[in-house]
N, C-alpha and C. Protein backbone atom coordinates (compact mmCIF):
# COMPACT_ATOMS: atom_id res chain seq x y z
N MET A 1 0.85 -1.16 0.20
CA MET A 1 -0.09 -0.23 -0.19
C MET A 1 0.90 1.35 0.31
N PHE A 2 2.18 1.12 0.97
CA PHE A 2 2.57 2.25 0.92
C PHE A 2 3.97 2.26 0.54
N ASP A 3 4.26 1.02 0.00
CA ASP A 3 5.25 0.80 -1.00
C ASP A 3 6.97 1.19 0.01
N LEU A 4 7.13 0.80 0.74
CA LEU A 4 8.05 0.27 1.99
C LEU A 4 9.04 -0.11 1.42
N ALA A 5 10.50 0.16 0.97
CA ALA A 5 11.46 -1.04 0.79
C ALA A 5 11.96 -1.04 2.37
N TRP A 6 12.98 -2.37 2.19
CA TRP A 6 13.61 -2.82 3.31
C TRP A 6 14.47 -1.59 3.99
N SER A 7 15.20 -1.23 3.22
CA SER A 7 15.87 -0.22 3.68
C SER A 7 15.17 0.81 4.49
N GLU A 8 13.81 1.18 3.91
CA GLU A 8 13.13 2.49 4.76
C GLU A 8 12.91 1.99 6.31
N ILE A 9 12.25 0.63 6.26
CA ILE A 9 11.89 -0.36 7.34
C ILE A 9 12.59 0.02 8.24
N PHE A 10 14.11 -0.24 7.59
CA PHE A 10 14.86 -0.43 8.67
C PHE A 10 15.72 1.00 8.94
N LEU A 11 15.19 1.90 8.35
CA LEU A 11 15.73 3.36 9.31
C LEU A 11 14.84 3.93 9.85
N ILE A 12 13.35 3.29 9.63
CA ILE A 12 11.99 3.99 10.36
C ILE A 12 12.76 3.29 11.78
N GLY A 13 13.02 2.15 11.45
CA GLY A 13 13.36 0.86 12.53
C GLY A 13 14.39 1.69 14.06
N ILE A 14 15.16 2.28 13.49
CA ILE A 14 16.39 2.77 13.77
C ILE A 14 16.20 4.25 14.81
N VAL A 15 15.54 5.08 13.83
CA VAL A 15 14.76 6.18 14.21
C VAL A 15 13.75 6.14 15.51
N ALA A 16 12.96 4.85 15.67
CA ALA A 16 12.44 4.95 16.76
C ALA A 16 12.61 4.12 17.81
N LEU A 17 13.76 3.11 18.00
CA LEU A 17 14.52 2.68 18.60
C LEU A 17 14.99 4.05 19.37
N LEU A 18 15.76 4.65 18.62
CA LEU A 18 16.45 6.37 19.44
C LEU A 18 15.39 7.11 19.74
N VAL A 19 14.71 7.20 19.38
CA VAL A 19 13.60 8.51 19.85
C VAL A 19 13.11 7.43 20.90
N VAL A 20 12.06 6.61 21.06
CA VAL A 20 11.54 5.94 22.10
C VAL A 20 12.52 5.13 23.43
N GLY A 21 13.23 4.93 22.24
CA GLY A 21 14.14 3.81 23.93
C GLY A 21 13.66 2.15 23.39
N PRO A 22 15.15 1.61 23.94
CA PRO A 22 14.25 0.53 24.38
C PRO A 22 13.77 -0.10 24.50
N LYS A 23 13.25 0.36 25.85
CA LYS A 23 12.39 -0.16 26.96
C LYS A 23 11.18 -0.43 26.44
N GLU A 24 11.06 1.02 25.87
CA GLU A 24 9.06 1.17 25.58
C GLU A 24 9.11 0.97 23.86
N LEU A 25 9.65 0.48 23.21
CA LEU A 25 9.81 -0.01 21.72
C LEU A 25 8.86 -0.96 21.52
N PRO A 26 8.52 -2.03 22.64
CA PRO A 26 7.91 -3.42 22.22
C PRO A 26 6.72 -2.79 22.75
N ASP A 27 6.14 -2.06 23.82
CA ASP A 27 5.12 -1.44 23.91
C ASP A 27 4.26 -0.24 22.53
N LEU A 28 5.25 0.19 22.06
CA LEU A 28 4.78 0.99 20.83
C LEU A 28 4.50 -0.15 19.79
N LEU A 29 5.25 -1.05 19.81
CA LEU A 29 5.04 -1.52 17.91
C LEU A 29 3.54 -2.54 18.46
N ARG A 30 3.21 -2.68 19.99
CA ARG A 30 1.82 -3.48 20.12
C ARG A 30 0.73 -2.57 19.82
N THR A 31 1.18 -1.38 20.64
CA THR A 31 -0.12 -0.02 20.40
C THR A 31 -0.11 -0.36 18.56
N VAL A 32 0.91 0.19 17.86
CA VAL A 32 0.59 0.70 16.40
C VAL A 32 -0.08 -0.71 15.95
N GLY A 33 0.71 -1.98 16.31
CA GLY A 33 -0.53 -3.38 15.64
C GLY A 33 -1.67 -3.12 16.07
N ARG A 34 -2.02 -2.87 17.13
CA ARG A 34 -3.55 -2.78 17.85
C ARG A 34 -4.37 -1.93 16.80
N TRP A 35 -3.85 -0.82 16.49
CA TRP A 35 -4.30 0.17 15.10
C TRP A 35 -4.42 0.03 14.37
N VAL A 36 -3.44 -0.71 14.22
CA VAL A 36 -3.31 -1.20 12.47
C VAL A 36 -4.56 -2.56 12.34
N ARG A 37 -4.46 -3.20 13.14
CA ARG A 37 -5.81 -4.46 13.36
C ARG A 37 -7.12 -3.45 13.29
N LYS A 38 -7.68 -2.65 14.31
CA LYS A 38 -8.56 -2.16 13.89
C LYS A 38 -8.83 -1.29 12.65
N ALA A 39 -8.07 -0.61 12.48
CA ALA A 39 -8.21 -0.02 10.73
C ALA A 39 -8.49 -0.98 9.82
N ARG A 40 -7.58 -2.06 9.69
CA ARG A 40 -8.17 -3.53 8.85
C ARG A 40 -9.77 -4.09 9.06
N MET A 41 -9.75 -4.19 10.56
CA MET A 41 -11.05 -4.66 10.53
C MET A 41 -12.00 -3.58 10.27
N MET A 42 -11.77 -2.71 10.37
CA MET A 42 -12.62 -0.97 9.61
C MET A 42 -13.20 -1.29 8.77
N ALA A 43 -11.84 -1.57 7.94
CA ALA A 43 -12.12 -1.27 6.38
C ALA A 43 -12.76 -2.83 5.79
N SER A 44 -12.49 -4.13 6.49
CA SER A 44 -13.10 -5.19 5.73
C SER A 44 -14.53 -5.21 6.10
N ASN A 45 -15.00 -4.45 7.63
CA ASN A 45 -16.35 -4.42 8.16
C ASN A 45 -17.11 -3.77 6.78
N PHE A 46 -16.61 -2.62 6.38
CA PHE A 46 -17.06 -1.58 5.68
C PHE A 46 -17.25 -2.19 4.06
N GLN A 47 -16.44 -3.00 3.70
CA GLN A 47 -16.23 -3.86 2.09
C GLN A 47 -17.51 -5.16 2.43
N SER A 48 -17.60 -5.77 3.69
CA SER A 48 -18.57 -6.48 3.65
C SER A 48 -19.76 -6.30 3.46
N THR A 49 -19.81 -4.83 4.33
CA THR A 49 -21.30 -3.75 3.76
C THR A 49 -21.51 -3.80 2.95
N PHE A 50 -20.49 -3.15 2.15
CA PHE A 50 -20.82 -2.78 0.69
C PHE A 50 -21.19 -3.92 -0.68
N ASP A 51 -20.74 -4.92 0.29
CA ASP A 51 -20.61 -5.84 -0.52
C ASP A 51 -22.11 -6.35 -0.02
N GLN A 52 -22.15 -6.64 0.58
CA GLN A 52 -23.64 -7.20 0.96
C GLN A 52 -24.75 -6.44 0.61
N MET A 53 -24.61 -4.79 0.60
CA MET A 53 -25.51 -3.64 -0.13
C MET A 53 -25.62 -4.39 -1.73
N MET A 54 -24.13 -4.13 -2.44
CA MET A 54 -24.41 -4.70 -3.58
C MET A 54 -25.07 -6.00 -4.15
N ARG A 55 -25.07 -6.92 -3.66
CA ARG A 55 -25.71 -8.11 -3.32
C ARG A 55 -27.44 -8.02 -3.54
N ASP A 56 -27.43 -7.46 -2.36
CA ASP A 56 -28.88 -7.30 -1.96
C ASP A 56 -29.88 -6.64 -3.49
N GLU A 57 -28.79 -5.37 -3.88
CA GLU A 57 -29.52 -4.24 -4.89
C GLU A 57 -29.65 -5.41 -6.05
N GLU A 58 -28.28 -6.65 -6.06
CA GLU A 58 -28.62 -7.24 -7.57
C GLU A 58 -29.75 -8.19 -7.17
N LEU A 59 -29.54 -8.76 -6.35
CA LEU A 59 -31.43 -9.73 -5.82
C LEU A 59 -32.26 -8.81 -6.31
N ALA A 60 -32.54 -7.81 -6.03
CA ALA A 60 -34.18 -7.06 -5.77
C ALA A 60 -34.27 -6.54 -7.46
N LYS A 61 -32.49 -6.28 -8.07
CA LYS A 61 -33.10 -6.26 -9.94
C LYS A 61 -34.09 -7.19 -10.00
N ALA A 62 -33.00 -9.13 -9.61
CA ALA A 62 -33.44 -9.44 -10.70
C ALA A 62 -34.53 -10.03 -10.14
N LYS A 63 -35.08 -9.75 -9.15
CA LYS A 63 -36.76 -10.21 -8.63
C LYS A 63 -37.31 -9.62 -9.56
N ARG A 64 -37.16 -8.03 -9.61
CA ARG A 64 -38.11 -7.22 -10.73
C ARG A 64 -38.22 -7.89 -11.93
N ASP A 65 -36.86 -7.87 -12.56
CA ASP A 65 -36.68 -8.51 -13.95
C ASP A 65 -37.48 -9.68 -13.97
N LEU A 66 -37.94 -10.70 -13.02
CA LEU A 66 -38.53 -11.74 -13.26
C LEU A 66 -39.76 -11.63 -13.19
N GLU A 67 -40.20 -10.51 -12.10
CA GLU A 67 -41.39 -10.08 -11.83
C GLU A 67 -42.21 -9.91 -12.95
N ALA A 68 -41.47 -9.04 -13.75
CA ALA A 68 -41.94 -8.47 -15.03
C ALA A 68 -41.85 -9.15 -16.22
N SER A 69 -41.02 -10.04 -16.28
CA SER A 69 -40.93 -11.10 -17.48
C SER A 69 -42.35 -12.33 -17.10
N ILE A 70 -42.86 -12.26 -16.09
CA ILE A 70 -43.61 -13.56 -15.53
C ILE A 70 -45.21 -13.30 -15.57
N SER A 71 -45.04 -11.65 -15.42
CA SER A 71 -46.69 -10.55 -15.10
C SER A 71 -47.06 -10.96 -16.71
N THR A 72 -48.55 -11.45 -16.30
CA THR A 72 -49.30 -11.62 -17.62
C THR A 72 -50.19 -10.59 -17.99
N GLU A 73 -49.96 -9.52 -17.35
CA GLU A 73 -50.87 -8.22 -17.59
C GLU A 73 -50.79 -7.88 -18.89
N PRO A 74 -49.13 -8.17 -19.49
CA PRO A 74 -48.99 -7.34 -21.16
C PRO A 74 -49.97 -8.26 -21.78
N VAL A 75 -50.10 -9.59 -22.10
CA VAL A 75 -50.85 -10.78 -22.81
C VAL A 75 -51.77 -10.53 -22.47
N GLN A 76 -52.76 -10.44 -21.43
CA GLN A 76 -54.11 -10.29 -21.55
C GLN A 76 -54.37 -8.81 -21.91
N ASN A 77 -53.37 -7.58 -21.73
CA ASN A 77 -53.53 -6.33 -22.44
C ASN A 77 -54.02 -6.76 -24.63
N GLN A 78 -53.17 -7.63 -24.71
CA GLN A 78 -53.16 -8.08 -26.23
C GLN A 78 -54.52 -8.92 -26.25
N ILE A 79 -54.58 -9.79 -25.46
CA ILE A 79 -55.69 -10.39 -25.85
C ILE A 79 -57.39 -9.68 -25.51
N GLY A 80 -56.93 -8.70 -25.11
CA GLY A 80 -58.16 -8.24 -24.98
C GLY A 80 -58.60 -6.77 -26.16
N LYS A 81 -57.33 -6.33 -26.40
CA LYS A 81 -57.31 -5.89 -28.09
C LYS A 81 -57.44 -6.50 -29.03
N ALA A 82 -57.08 -7.64 -28.84
CA ALA A 82 -57.49 -8.77 -30.18
C ALA A 82 -59.22 -8.82 -30.17
N MET A 83 -59.55 -9.45 -29.14
CA MET A 83 -60.95 -9.62 -29.29
C MET A 83 -62.01 -8.27 -29.02
N THR A 84 -61.45 -7.19 -29.25
CA THR A 84 -62.25 -5.99 -29.01
C THR A 84 -62.68 -5.96 -30.93
N PRO A 85 -63.90 -5.75 -30.88
CA PRO A 85 -63.56 -5.73 -32.50
C PRO A 85 -63.21 -4.01 -32.69
N PRO A 86 -63.04 -3.99 -33.87
CA PRO A 86 -62.63 -2.45 -34.09
C PRO A 86 -63.56 -1.31 -33.98
N ASP A 87 -63.42 -0.11 -33.45
CA ASP A 87 -64.94 1.16 -34.24
C ASP A 87 -64.37 1.54 -35.32
N PRO A 88 -65.86 1.32 -35.88
CA PRO A 88 -65.93 1.60 -37.11
C PRO A 88 -65.63 2.87 -37.75
N SER A 89 -65.81 4.06 -36.60
CA SER A 89 -65.06 5.31 -37.09
C SER A 89 -63.87 5.44 -36.76
N ASP A 90 -62.93 4.40 -36.27
CA ASP A 90 -61.56 4.51 -36.42
C ASP A 90 -60.92 4.50 -37.46
N LEU A 91 -61.65 3.70 -38.23
CA LEU A 91 -61.26 3.03 -39.84
C LEU A 91 -61.77 3.50 -40.98
N GLY A 92 -60.65 3.55 -41.47
CA GLY A 92 -60.85 4.40 -42.82
C GLY A 92 -61.69 3.52 -44.16
N PRO A 93 -61.67 4.42 -45.27
CA PRO A 93 -62.62 3.89 -46.27
C PRO A 93 -61.89 2.84 -46.93
N SER A 94 -60.68 2.94 -46.88
CA SER A 94 -59.78 1.42 -47.45
C SER A 94 -59.81 0.29 -46.66
N ASP A 95 -60.23 0.61 -45.30
CA ASP A 95 -59.82 -0.49 -44.17
C ASP A 95 -61.13 -1.03 -44.33
N VAL A 96 -62.27 -0.13 -44.91
CA VAL A 96 -63.70 -1.29 -44.60
C VAL A 96 -64.03 -2.05 -45.91
N GLY A 97 -64.47 -3.11 -45.87
CA GLY A 97 -64.35 -4.67 -46.94
C GLY A 97 -65.20 -4.66 -46.76
N PRO A 98 -65.98 -6.09 -47.66
CA PRO A 98 -67.09 -7.05 -47.78
C PRO A 98 -67.28 -7.35 -46.22
N THR A 99 -68.85 -7.14 -45.93
CA THR A 99 -68.20 -8.41 -45.11
C THR A 99 -69.76 -9.24 -44.89
N ALA A 100 -70.17 -10.06 -43.83
CA ALA A 100 -70.65 -10.76 -43.98
C ALA A 100 -72.55 -10.51 -43.64
N ALA A 101 -72.55 -9.15 -43.48
CA ALA A 101 -73.66 -8.46 -43.61
C ALA A 101 -74.19 -7.97 -44.59
N ASP A 102 -73.78 -7.79 -45.66
CA ASP A 102 -73.55 -7.21 -46.86
C ASP A 102 -74.13 -8.32 -47.63
N PRO A 103 -75.40 -8.20 -48.52
CA PRO A 103 -75.57 -9.82 -49.18
C PRO A 103 -75.20 -9.54 -50.34
N THR A 104 -75.27 -8.40 -50.93
CA THR A 104 -74.78 -8.25 -52.44
C THR A 104 -72.78 -8.62 -52.59
N GLU A 105 -72.45 -8.21 -51.54
CA GLU A 105 -71.17 -8.81 -52.22
C GLU A 105 -71.02 -10.09 -51.71
N THR A 106 -71.48 -10.66 -50.85
CA THR A 106 -71.58 -12.51 -50.84
C THR A 106 -72.01 -12.82 -52.35
N ASP A 107 -73.22 -12.30 -52.33
CA ASP A 107 -74.13 -12.85 -53.66
C ASP A 107 -73.19 -13.02 -54.80
N LYS A 108 -72.48 -11.63 -55.08
CA LYS A 108 -71.21 -11.79 -56.18
C LYS A 108 -69.92 -13.06 -55.98
N ALA A 109 -69.62 -12.46 -54.70
CA ALA A 109 -68.62 -13.72 -54.75
C ALA A 109 -68.61 -14.79 -55.16
N GLU A 110 -70.02 -15.52 -54.49
CA GLU A 110 -70.80 -16.73 -54.35
C GLU A 110 -70.46 -16.85 -56.12
N ALA A 111 -71.32 -16.19 -57.14
CA ALA A 111 -71.39 -16.66 -58.46
C ALA A 111 -70.04 -16.46 -58.86
N ALA A 112 -69.15 -15.64 -58.41
CA ALA A 112 -67.85 -15.95 -59.35
C ALA A 112 -67.53 -16.93 -58.94
N GLU A 113 -67.05 -17.65 -57.65
CA GLU A 113 -66.61 -18.52 -57.35
C GLU A 113 -67.17 -20.00 -58.00
N ALA A 114 -68.55 -20.40 -58.32
CA ALA A 114 -69.20 -21.08 -59.14
C ALA A 114 -69.24 -20.70 -60.78
N GLU A 115 -68.88 -19.83 -61.48
CA GLU A 115 -68.56 -19.62 -62.54
C GLU A 115 -66.86 -20.33 -62.90
N ALA A 116 -66.64 -20.07 -62.05
CA ALA A 116 -64.83 -20.35 -61.80
C ALA A 116 -64.79 -21.99 -61.93
N GLU A 117 -66.10 -22.72 -61.24
CA GLU A 117 -65.61 -24.34 -60.59
C GLU A 117 -66.78 -24.55 -62.19
N THR A 118 -67.87 -23.90 -63.02
CA THR A 118 -68.14 -24.51 -63.82
C THR A 118 -67.20 -24.58 -64.92
N PRO A 119 -67.03 -25.55 -65.93
CA PRO A 119 -66.01 -25.88 -67.02
C PRO A 119 -66.67 -24.89 -68.12
N ALA A 120 -65.60 -24.40 -69.16
CA ALA A 120 -65.88 -23.88 -70.22
C ALA A 120 -67.18 -24.38 -71.09
N GLU A 121 -67.12 -26.17 -71.80
CA GLU A 121 -68.11 -26.73 -72.23
C GLU A 121 -69.64 -27.04 -71.72
N ALA A 122 -69.53 -26.68 -70.60
CA ALA A 122 -70.77 -26.93 -69.78
C ALA A 122 -71.42 -25.53 -70.15
N LYS A 123 -71.23 -24.73 -70.36
CA LYS A 123 -71.68 -23.74 -70.58
C LYS A 123 -72.61 -23.73 -71.49
N PRO A 124 -73.93 -23.12 -71.67
CA PRO A 124 -74.56 -22.92 -72.96
C PRO A 124 -74.03 -22.36 -74.13
N PRO A 125 -73.97 -22.52 -75.25
CA PRO A 125 -73.65 -22.07 -76.32
C PRO A 125 -74.67 -20.65 -76.24
N ALA A 126 -73.87 -19.75 -76.93
CA ALA A 126 -74.00 -18.45 -77.64
C ALA A 126 -75.02 -18.55 -78.51
N THR A 127 -76.20 -17.85 -78.93
CA THR A 127 -77.18 -17.83 -79.80
C THR A 127 -76.79 -17.07 -80.93
N PRO A 128 -76.56 -16.79 -81.90
CA PRO A 128 -76.19 -16.24 -83.16
C PRO A 128 -77.24 -15.25 -82.90
N GLY A 129 -77.10 -14.47 -83.71
CA GLY A 129 -77.61 -12.72 -83.57
C GLY A 129 -78.17 -12.04 -82.63
N THR A 130 -77.89 -12.57 -81.59
CA THR A 130 -78.47 -12.31 -79.73
C THR A 130 -77.15 -10.86 -79.83
N GLY A 131 -76.23 -11.05 -80.46
CA GLY A 131 -75.44 -10.09 -80.15
C GLY A 131 -74.22 -10.11 -79.17
N ALA A 132 -73.83 -11.91 -78.79
CA ALA A 132 -73.16 -12.01 -77.62
C ALA A 132 -72.35 -12.67 -78.21
């Protein structure tokens, strides 16, 4: 973290020995060790709490996504739209085609279909002089 070389650590040890003295140096090192351990524990605690919050948020997001994908509301809306007949006022003239209620269009379609099924030989011959 601080990138101390062995020569720098040795120099700090010699200065600490000269400043504190040989009698109090072990107590000083124990105290420094306790503070370092507390700082590491606090950092570890913070890291684990942060990781737990991230996992909880990811789980909540996954739950929301899963509930949205399982939700039947969009499907029900599409089914409702498909089953609802269109409003005639919303349709334009090109959208309106022959309906079953219009007998003239149905009769014309049936006549055209019957004519297509009848072979040409079965048709009665045209009489001369009628102009046909």
